[in-house]
Amino acid sequence: MNLAERYRQVRQRSEYICSPLQTEDYVVQPIEDVSPPKWHLGHTTWFFETFILKPYISAYKEFNTEYNYVFNSYYESVGSRVIRTDRGNLSRPTVIDIYSYRKYVDEAMYHFLCGDIPADVQELLILGFNHEEQHQELLYTDIKYILGHNPLFPAYSHEYKVPHYERAAGAEFIQVPEGIYEIGFEGEGFCFDNELNRHKVYLNAYRISPNLVTNAEYLEFINSGGYHDFRHWHSEGWAWVNTNKVESPLYWYLIDGHWHHYTYHGLQPLDMHGPVTHISYYEAYAYAAWKGMRLPTEFEWEAAAAKFNWGQRWEWTESSYLPYPGFSKAPGAIGEYNGKFMVNQKVLRGASEVTPPGHSRATYRNFFQTGLRWQFTGIRLAL
């Protein structure tokens, strides 16, 4: 697949994800971490306009000079921007305006991609594709939060197919011997800069579960009073539970004595066999402590990843999000992509059911703050 075809495929998928939405669904921002779908569509378009079209096409004319302020996310190098909490206040530009913006930029990009593309620009393009794929996952999770907090619990799409979760036969934990393991990306293909500099780590012998924790297993924790017993929680997690009155994972509802959860098909009876999801690091840690176990480090996870199935849930690890040895930020705005977030976050490994095809790797380092739950986050236990 050439660059033009890849560009077309990526851009069309973002619009496909939004195709079941009504106009009103595009503009809602219930919490700071959830952006309106129309903002994602505009921001990913701004990325190609800002980093490809404006620097490399001398005659390019911006669609709207004010859009840099509206759709810049966190790039200090590119100028001022609307603060994140105010994205839901942007009644203008309209949804129609943003689709016009996408069409305008796409036409310019298709023309640009017909020519010879220098190697450094090709790297920027591939980063842009992967950037939009990240926002495609955010579109899915943000749309779920928007609709899942509508009191009518409307379905996103009855055509959405929930992947079948295959549990490994038996319950024996995988034994991994002590030794020196190589961690990080190597080889051909794309990776983010936070995966680079493959390096050696020493790991003590450990055991890791071949399976994710299921809803039924997590329900045992709830029924045992896990959310009301401080002994299982970090002090900060215990404060989080009590401050936010948390009693169960996000989207769980106890109705007439039966548990339900909000899904892309609307409110449904809880699937007891499915992997638990939409939980914070605090909850993952507390569940592991209740079981007398722990979460794996990101290095333990990567060293064992070839021995188990992964990809349905982003899996919390016990590792803080820190740079690998020799990590250095690229100059300019691109250097702001990962490095400046390496503080006060935990690493998640794996992928989720809404991760775009071909976007996951065993070396991929996702990262979120400890109290966040709107992503498809789950638990794999270790000993």
Protein backbone atom coordinates (compact mmCIF):
# COMPACT_ATOMS: atom_id res chain seq x y z
CA MET A 1 0.00 0.00 0.00
CA ASN A 2 1.48 3.35 -1.04
CA LEU A 3 1.35 6.53 1.04
CA ALA A 4 -1.68 7.96 -0.75
CA GLU A 5 -3.68 4.76 -0.27
CA ARG A 6 -2.67 4.57 3.38
CA TYR A 7 -3.67 8.19 3.90
CA ARG A 8 -7.07 7.59 2.30
CA GLN A 9 -7.66 4.46 4.37
CA VAL A 10 -6.82 6.16 7.67
CA ARG A 11 -8.90 9.24 6.95
CA GLN A 12 -11.93 7.27 5.84
CA ARG A 13 -11.86 5.10 8.96
CA SER A 14 -12.18 8.13 11.25
CA GLU A 15 -15.30 9.21 9.41
CA TYR A 16 -16.66 5.66 9.43
CA ILE A 17 -16.39 5.58 13.23
CA CYS A 18 -18.47 8.76 13.40
CA SER A 19 -21.05 7.66 10.82
CA PRO A 20 -23.63 6.35 13.39
CA LEU A 21 -23.63 9.69 15.25
CA GLN A 22 -26.29 12.38 15.18
CA THR A 23 -25.15 15.99 14.92
CA GLU A 24 -25.74 16.60 18.62
CA ASP A 25 -23.46 13.69 19.55
CA TYR A 26 -20.47 15.43 17.92
CA VAL A 27 -20.39 18.39 20.30
CA VAL A 28 -20.62 16.94 23.83
CA GLN A 29 -17.76 17.02 26.37
CA PRO A 30 -18.95 15.47 29.66
CA ILE A 31 -15.52 15.57 31.37
CA GLU A 32 -12.08 17.04 30.70
CA ASP A 33 -10.59 13.77 29.42
CA VAL A 34 -13.33 13.21 26.83
CA SER A 35 -13.19 15.43 23.76
CA PRO A 36 -16.14 16.06 21.42
CA PRO A 37 -15.96 13.81 18.34
CA LYS A 38 -15.93 16.82 16.04
CA TRP A 39 -12.81 18.09 17.80
CA HIS A 40 -10.98 14.82 17.07
CA LEU A 41 -11.94 15.11 13.39
CA GLY A 42 -10.65 18.68 13.29
CA HIS A 43 -7.49 18.04 15.30
CA THR A 44 -6.31 15.13 13.16
CA THR A 45 -6.88 17.28 10.08
CA TRP A 46 -4.97 20.17 11.65
CA PHE A 47 -2.04 17.79 12.22
CA PHE A 48 -1.59 17.16 8.48
CA GLU A 49 -2.18 20.80 7.60
CA THR A 50 0.28 22.06 10.24
CA PHE A 51 3.10 19.57 9.89
CA ILE A 52 2.88 18.63 6.19
CA LEU A 53 1.00 21.11 4.01
CA LYS A 54 2.09 24.43 5.50
CA PRO A 55 5.84 23.62 5.71
CA TYR A 56 6.17 21.75 2.41
CA ILE A 57 3.78 23.49 -0.03
CA SER A 58 4.82 27.09 -0.53
CA ALA A 59 1.54 28.11 -2.19
CA TYR A 60 -0.71 26.35 0.33
CA LYS A 61 -3.47 28.52 1.74
CA GLU A 62 -4.88 27.61 5.16
CA PHE A 63 -8.54 26.68 5.27
CA ASN A 64 -9.07 28.97 8.26
CA THR A 65 -6.27 30.79 10.06
CA GLU A 66 -8.14 30.58 13.38
CA TYR A 67 -8.18 26.78 13.35
CA ASN A 68 -4.65 26.56 14.77
CA TYR A 69 -6.02 28.03 18.01
CA VAL A 70 -9.05 25.74 17.97
CA PHE A 71 -7.43 22.41 17.07
CA ASN A 72 -3.93 22.55 18.56
CA SER A 73 -4.00 20.02 21.39
CA TYR A 74 -0.90 20.42 23.55
CA TYR A 75 1.89 21.61 21.24
CA GLU A 76 3.48 24.59 22.97
CA SER A 77 5.79 25.01 19.97
CA VAL A 78 2.86 25.72 17.66
CA GLY A 79 1.24 28.50 19.66
CA SER A 80 -1.68 29.18 21.98
CA ARG A 81 -4.82 27.05 21.99
CA VAL A 82 -8.26 26.56 23.46
CA ILE A 83 -7.86 24.94 26.87
CA ARG A 84 -8.86 21.31 26.96
CA THR A 85 -11.87 21.77 29.23
CA ASP A 86 -13.40 24.27 26.77
CA ARG A 87 -13.52 22.01 23.71
CA GLY A 88 -17.18 21.30 24.41
CA ASN A 89 -17.97 25.02 24.23
CA LEU A 90 -17.03 25.19 20.56
CA SER A 91 -20.43 25.36 18.91
CA ARG A 92 -18.47 26.86 16.01
CA PRO A 93 -16.91 25.65 13.80
CA THR A 94 -19.90 23.47 13.07
CA VAL A 95 -19.80 19.77 12.23
CA ILE A 96 -20.41 20.71 8.57
CA ASP A 97 -17.51 23.17 8.73
CA ILE A 98 -15.19 20.48 10.06
CA TYR A 99 -16.13 17.98 7.36
CA SER A 100 -15.49 20.74 4.80
CA TYR A 101 -12.11 21.31 6.45
CA ARG A 102 -11.29 17.62 6.19
CA LYS A 103 -12.24 17.57 2.51
CA TYR A 104 -10.15 20.67 1.79
CA VAL A 105 -7.05 19.28 3.50
CA ASP A 106 -7.54 15.82 2.01
CA GLU A 107 -7.64 17.21 -1.52
CA ALA A 108 -4.41 19.13 -0.89
CA MET A 109 -2.81 16.04 0.64
CA TYR A 110 -3.78 13.79 -2.30
CA HIS A 111 -2.18 16.28 -4.67
CA PHE A 112 0.93 16.47 -2.48
CA LEU A 113 1.20 12.67 -2.27
CA CYS A 114 1.30 12.39 -6.07
CA GLY A 115 4.82 13.82 -6.08
CA ASP A 116 8.15 12.62 -4.77
CA ILE A 117 8.17 12.60 -0.97
CA PRO A 118 11.53 13.05 0.82
CA ALA A 119 12.38 10.42 3.43
CA ASP A 120 12.02 12.81 6.38
CA VAL A 121 8.56 13.85 5.20
CA GLN A 122 7.58 10.21 4.78
CA GLU A 123 8.44 9.69 8.44
CA LEU A 124 6.20 12.62 9.39
CA LEU A 125 3.38 11.21 7.27
CA ILE A 126 3.62 7.81 8.94
CA LEU A 127 3.62 9.51 12.34
CA GLY A 128 0.48 11.36 11.21
CA PHE A 129 -1.21 8.10 10.22
CA ASN A 130 -0.44 6.58 13.61
CA HIS A 131 -1.50 9.79 15.34
CA GLU A 132 -4.91 9.63 13.66
CA GLU A 133 -5.21 5.94 14.55
CA GLN A 134 -4.65 6.88 18.19
CA HIS A 135 -7.48 9.36 17.87
CA GLN A 136 -9.67 6.69 16.28
CA GLU A 137 -9.39 4.71 19.49
CA LEU A 138 -10.12 7.88 21.45
CA LEU A 139 -13.15 8.49 19.23
CA TYR A 140 -14.55 5.09 20.15
CA THR A 141 -13.93 5.52 23.86
CA ASP A 142 -15.07 9.15 23.97
CA ILE A 143 -18.26 8.33 22.06
CA LYS A 144 -18.95 5.51 24.51
CA TYR A 145 -18.52 7.89 27.45
CA ILE A 146 -20.77 10.51 25.84
CA LEU A 147 -23.58 8.07 25.05
CA GLY A 148 -23.01 5.99 28.20
CA HIS A 149 -23.68 9.08 30.33
CA ASN A 150 -26.84 9.98 28.48
CA PRO A 151 -29.72 8.97 30.81
CA LEU A 152 -31.41 7.14 27.93
CA PHE A 153 -28.33 4.89 27.39
CA PRO A 154 -28.68 5.05 23.59
CA ALA A 155 -26.89 2.48 21.47
CA TYR A 156 -23.96 3.68 19.40
CA SER A 157 -24.52 1.05 16.73
CA HIS A 158 -26.19 -2.35 16.75
CA GLU A 159 -23.79 -3.32 13.96
CA TYR A 160 -20.79 -3.03 16.29
CA LYS A 161 -19.29 -6.51 16.76
CA VAL A 162 -17.94 -7.33 20.21
CA PRO A 163 -14.83 -9.51 19.80
CA HIS A 164 -15.12 -12.96 21.33
CA TYR A 165 -12.76 -13.38 24.26
CA GLU A 166 -10.89 -16.70 24.16
CA ARG A 167 -9.63 -17.85 27.54
CA ALA A 168 -6.58 -20.09 27.61
CA ALA A 169 -7.35 -23.67 28.61
CA GLY A 170 -6.59 -24.30 32.27
CA ALA A 171 -5.71 -21.76 34.89
CA GLU A 172 -2.01 -22.45 35.37
CA PHE A 173 0.13 -19.34 35.54
CA ILE A 174 2.96 -19.10 33.03
CA GLN A 175 6.32 -19.54 34.68
CA VAL A 176 9.08 -17.24 33.47
CA PRO A 177 12.63 -17.97 34.66
CA GLU A 178 14.95 -15.36 36.07
CA GLY A 179 17.37 -13.89 33.61
CA ILE A 180 18.27 -10.99 31.37
CA TYR A 181 15.64 -9.98 28.83
CA GLU A 182 15.73 -7.48 25.98
CA ILE A 183 13.00 -4.86 26.05
CA GLY A 184 11.97 -2.31 23.41
CA PHE A 185 11.33 -2.07 19.70
CA GLU A 186 13.71 -3.29 17.05
CA GLY A 187 13.42 -4.14 13.38
CA GLU A 188 11.49 -2.63 10.51
CA GLY A 189 8.28 -0.68 10.63
CA PHE A 190 6.88 2.12 12.74
CA CYS A 191 7.13 2.65 16.47
CA PHE A 192 6.81 5.67 18.74
CA ASP A 193 9.94 7.22 20.19
CA ASN A 194 9.11 5.99 23.71
CA GLU A 195 9.58 2.38 22.52
CA LEU A 196 13.08 2.97 21.18
CA ASN A 197 16.50 1.98 22.50
CA ARG A 198 16.16 -1.74 22.99
CA HIS A 199 17.93 -2.55 26.23
CA LYS A 200 18.51 -5.34 28.70
CA VAL A 201 16.70 -5.75 32.02
CA TYR A 202 17.20 -8.36 34.71
CA LEU A 203 14.02 -10.05 35.93
CA ASN A 204 13.60 -12.33 38.91
CA ALA A 205 11.62 -15.50 38.27
CA TYR A 206 7.90 -14.76 38.17
CA ARG A 207 4.55 -16.17 37.12
CA ILE A 208 1.97 -14.40 34.99
CA SER A 209 -1.62 -15.31 34.23
CA PRO A 210 -2.44 -16.51 30.71
CA ASN A 211 -5.87 -14.87 31.05
CA LEU A 212 -7.39 -11.53 31.84
CA VAL A 213 -9.58 -11.13 34.92
CA THR A 214 -13.24 -11.60 33.95
CA ASN A 215 -16.32 -9.71 35.05
CA ALA A 216 -17.42 -12.71 37.13
CA GLU A 217 -14.07 -12.81 38.91
CA TYR A 218 -14.14 -9.08 39.56
CA LEU A 219 -17.70 -9.34 40.86
CA GLU A 220 -16.38 -11.62 43.61
CA PHE A 221 -14.20 -8.73 44.74
CA ILE A 222 -17.21 -6.42 44.82
CA ASN A 223 -19.38 -8.94 46.69
CA SER A 224 -16.65 -9.51 49.27
CA GLY A 225 -16.77 -5.81 50.16
CA GLY A 226 -13.59 -4.94 48.29
CA TYR A 227 -14.63 -1.35 47.71
CA HIS A 228 -15.20 -0.90 51.44
CA ASP A 229 -12.01 -2.45 52.83
CA PHE A 230 -9.09 -0.03 53.02
CA ARG A 231 -6.59 -2.88 53.39
CA HIS A 232 -6.58 -3.57 49.63
CA TRP A 233 -5.99 0.00 48.51
CA HIS A 234 -3.19 2.49 48.26
CA SER A 235 -3.90 5.49 50.46
CA GLU A 236 -4.43 7.62 47.37
CA GLY A 237 -6.69 4.97 45.85
CA TRP A 238 -8.72 4.71 49.04
CA ALA A 239 -9.21 8.48 49.01
CA TRP A 240 -10.25 8.24 45.34
CA VAL A 241 -12.84 5.54 46.10
CA ASN A 242 -14.39 7.52 48.94
CA THR A 243 -14.26 10.92 47.29
CA ASN A 244 -15.89 9.64 44.11
CA LYS A 245 -18.22 7.10 45.80
CA VAL A 246 -16.96 4.33 43.53
CA GLU A 247 -18.68 0.96 43.99
CA SER A 248 -17.99 -0.83 40.69
CA PRO A 249 -16.28 -0.43 37.31
CA LEU A 250 -17.37 2.38 35.03
CA TYR A 251 -20.62 1.63 33.14
CA TRP A 252 -21.80 -1.02 35.65
CA TYR A 253 -25.33 -0.65 37.04
CA LEU A 254 -27.14 -2.81 39.60
CA ILE A 255 -30.78 -2.92 38.46
CA ASP A 256 -33.36 -4.94 40.44
CA GLY A 257 -30.58 -7.07 41.90
CA HIS A 258 -28.95 -7.84 38.55
CA TRP A 259 -25.79 -6.28 37.13
CA HIS A 260 -25.93 -4.54 33.77
CA HIS A 261 -23.32 -2.58 31.85
CA TYR A 262 -23.46 0.02 29.12
CA THR A 263 -22.13 -1.23 25.78
CA TYR A 264 -22.08 0.04 22.20
CA HIS A 265 -25.42 -1.80 21.85
CA GLY A 266 -26.90 0.08 24.79
CA LEU A 267 -27.54 -1.17 28.32
CA GLN A 268 -27.10 -4.95 28.48
CA PRO A 269 -26.94 -7.68 31.16
CA LEU A 270 -23.34 -8.00 32.34
CA ASP A 271 -21.38 -10.59 30.36
CA MET A 272 -19.86 -12.63 33.16
CA HIS A 273 -17.36 -14.32 30.85
CA GLY A 274 -15.99 -11.13 29.30
CA PRO A 275 -12.81 -9.48 30.57
CA VAL A 276 -13.44 -6.73 33.10
CA THR A 277 -12.84 -3.29 31.69
CA HIS A 278 -13.07 0.43 32.36
CA ILE A 279 -11.25 0.26 35.67
CA SER A 280 -8.61 2.53 37.14
CA TYR A 281 -5.11 1.56 38.18
CA TYR A 282 -6.32 1.96 41.77
CA GLU A 283 -8.97 -0.73 41.22
CA ALA A 284 -6.58 -3.03 39.36
CA TYR A 285 -4.08 -2.78 42.21
CA ALA A 286 -6.76 -3.34 44.88
CA TYR A 287 -8.13 -6.41 43.09
CA ALA A 288 -4.65 -7.90 42.78
CA ALA A 289 -3.97 -7.23 46.47
CA TRP A 290 -7.30 -8.84 47.43
CA LYS A 291 -6.24 -11.94 45.47
CA GLY A 292 -2.86 -12.00 47.21
CA MET A 293 -1.15 -11.24 43.91
CA ARG A 294 0.14 -8.18 42.03
CA LEU A 295 0.22 -6.51 38.65
CA PRO A 296 3.15 -7.31 36.35
CA THR A 297 5.74 -4.70 35.52
CA GLU A 298 5.80 -3.57 31.91
CA PHE A 299 9.07 -5.48 31.46
CA GLU A 300 7.59 -8.70 32.83
CA TRP A 301 4.59 -8.21 30.53
CA GLU A 302 6.72 -7.71 27.42
CA ALA A 303 9.09 -10.57 28.22
CA ALA A 304 6.13 -12.99 28.48
CA ALA A 305 3.79 -11.50 25.86
CA ALA A 306 4.49 -14.18 23.26
CA LYS A 307 3.20 -16.82 25.71
CA PHE A 308 -0.37 -15.48 26.10
CA ASN A 309 -3.13 -13.87 24.06
CA TRP A 310 -3.35 -10.12 24.41
CA GLY A 311 -5.13 -7.30 22.61
CA GLN A 312 -8.65 -7.06 24.06
CA ARG A 313 -7.82 -4.78 26.97
CA TRP A 314 -5.15 -2.26 27.81
CA GLU A 315 -3.53 -3.92 30.81
CA TRP A 316 -2.41 -1.90 33.81
CA THR A 317 1.17 -2.58 34.86
CA GLU A 318 3.06 -1.72 38.01
CA SER A 319 5.50 0.42 36.03
CA SER A 320 5.65 4.18 36.08
CA TYR A 321 5.88 5.80 32.67
CA LEU A 322 9.56 6.71 32.41
CA PRO A 323 12.09 7.09 29.55
CA TYR A 324 14.12 4.14 28.38
CA PRO A 325 17.92 4.46 28.64
CA GLY A 326 19.19 6.88 26.03
CA PHE A 327 15.78 8.39 25.28
CA SER A 328 15.92 11.87 23.78
CA LYS A 329 13.13 14.11 22.58
CA ALA A 330 13.10 15.17 18.95
CA PRO A 331 13.47 18.90 18.32
CA GLY A 332 10.41 21.09 17.86
CA ALA A 333 6.75 20.17 18.21
CA ILE A 334 7.24 16.49 17.33
CA GLY A 335 9.40 16.15 20.44
CA GLU A 336 6.36 17.05 22.54
CA TYR A 337 4.55 13.89 21.46
CA ASN A 338 5.55 11.54 24.30
CA GLY A 339 8.48 12.76 26.35
CA LYS A 340 6.84 15.58 28.25
CA PHE A 341 4.21 13.22 29.70
CA MET A 342 6.73 11.00 31.48
CA VAL A 343 5.58 11.88 35.00
CA ASN A 344 2.79 10.72 37.32
CA GLN A 345 1.43 8.09 34.92
CA LYS A 346 1.34 4.30 34.78
CA VAL A 347 2.17 2.21 31.72
CA LEU A 348 -0.49 0.08 30.08
CA ARG A 349 0.47 -2.71 27.73
CA GLY A 350 -1.40 -4.62 25.04
CA ALA A 351 -4.23 -3.09 23.02
CA SER A 352 -8.02 -3.04 23.16
CA GLU A 353 -11.01 -4.12 21.13
CA VAL A 354 -11.15 -0.61 19.61
CA THR A 355 -7.46 -0.33 18.77
CA PRO A 356 -7.22 0.10 14.96
CA PRO A 357 -6.05 -2.95 12.99
CA GLY A 358 -2.28 -3.04 12.68
CA HIS A 359 -1.77 -0.39 15.35
CA SER A 360 -0.72 -2.70 18.21
CA ARG A 361 2.71 -4.09 19.09
CA ALA A 362 4.11 -6.01 22.04
CA THR A 363 6.46 -3.07 22.63
CA TYR A 364 3.72 -0.39 22.53
CA ARG A 365 3.76 1.75 25.70
CA ASN A 366 0.41 3.32 26.42
CA PHE A 367 0.14 5.48 29.53
CA PHE A 368 -2.59 7.02 31.64
CA GLN A 369 -3.08 8.63 35.01
CA THR A 370 -4.02 6.29 37.84
CA GLY A 371 -7.64 7.39 38.30
CA LEU A 372 -8.77 7.26 34.66
CA ARG A 373 -11.30 4.64 33.54
CA TRP A 374 -12.86 5.63 30.22
CA GLN A 375 -10.39 3.58 28.18
CA PHE A 376 -10.75 -0.22 27.76
CA THR A 377 -8.46 -0.99 30.69
CA GLY A 378 -8.26 -4.41 32.36
CA ILE A 379 -6.21 -6.70 34.61
CA ARG A 380 -3.68 -9.47 34.17
CA LEU A 381 -2.28 -10.86 37.41
CA ALA A 382 1.27 -11.85 38.31
CA LEU A 383 3.06 -13.55 41.17
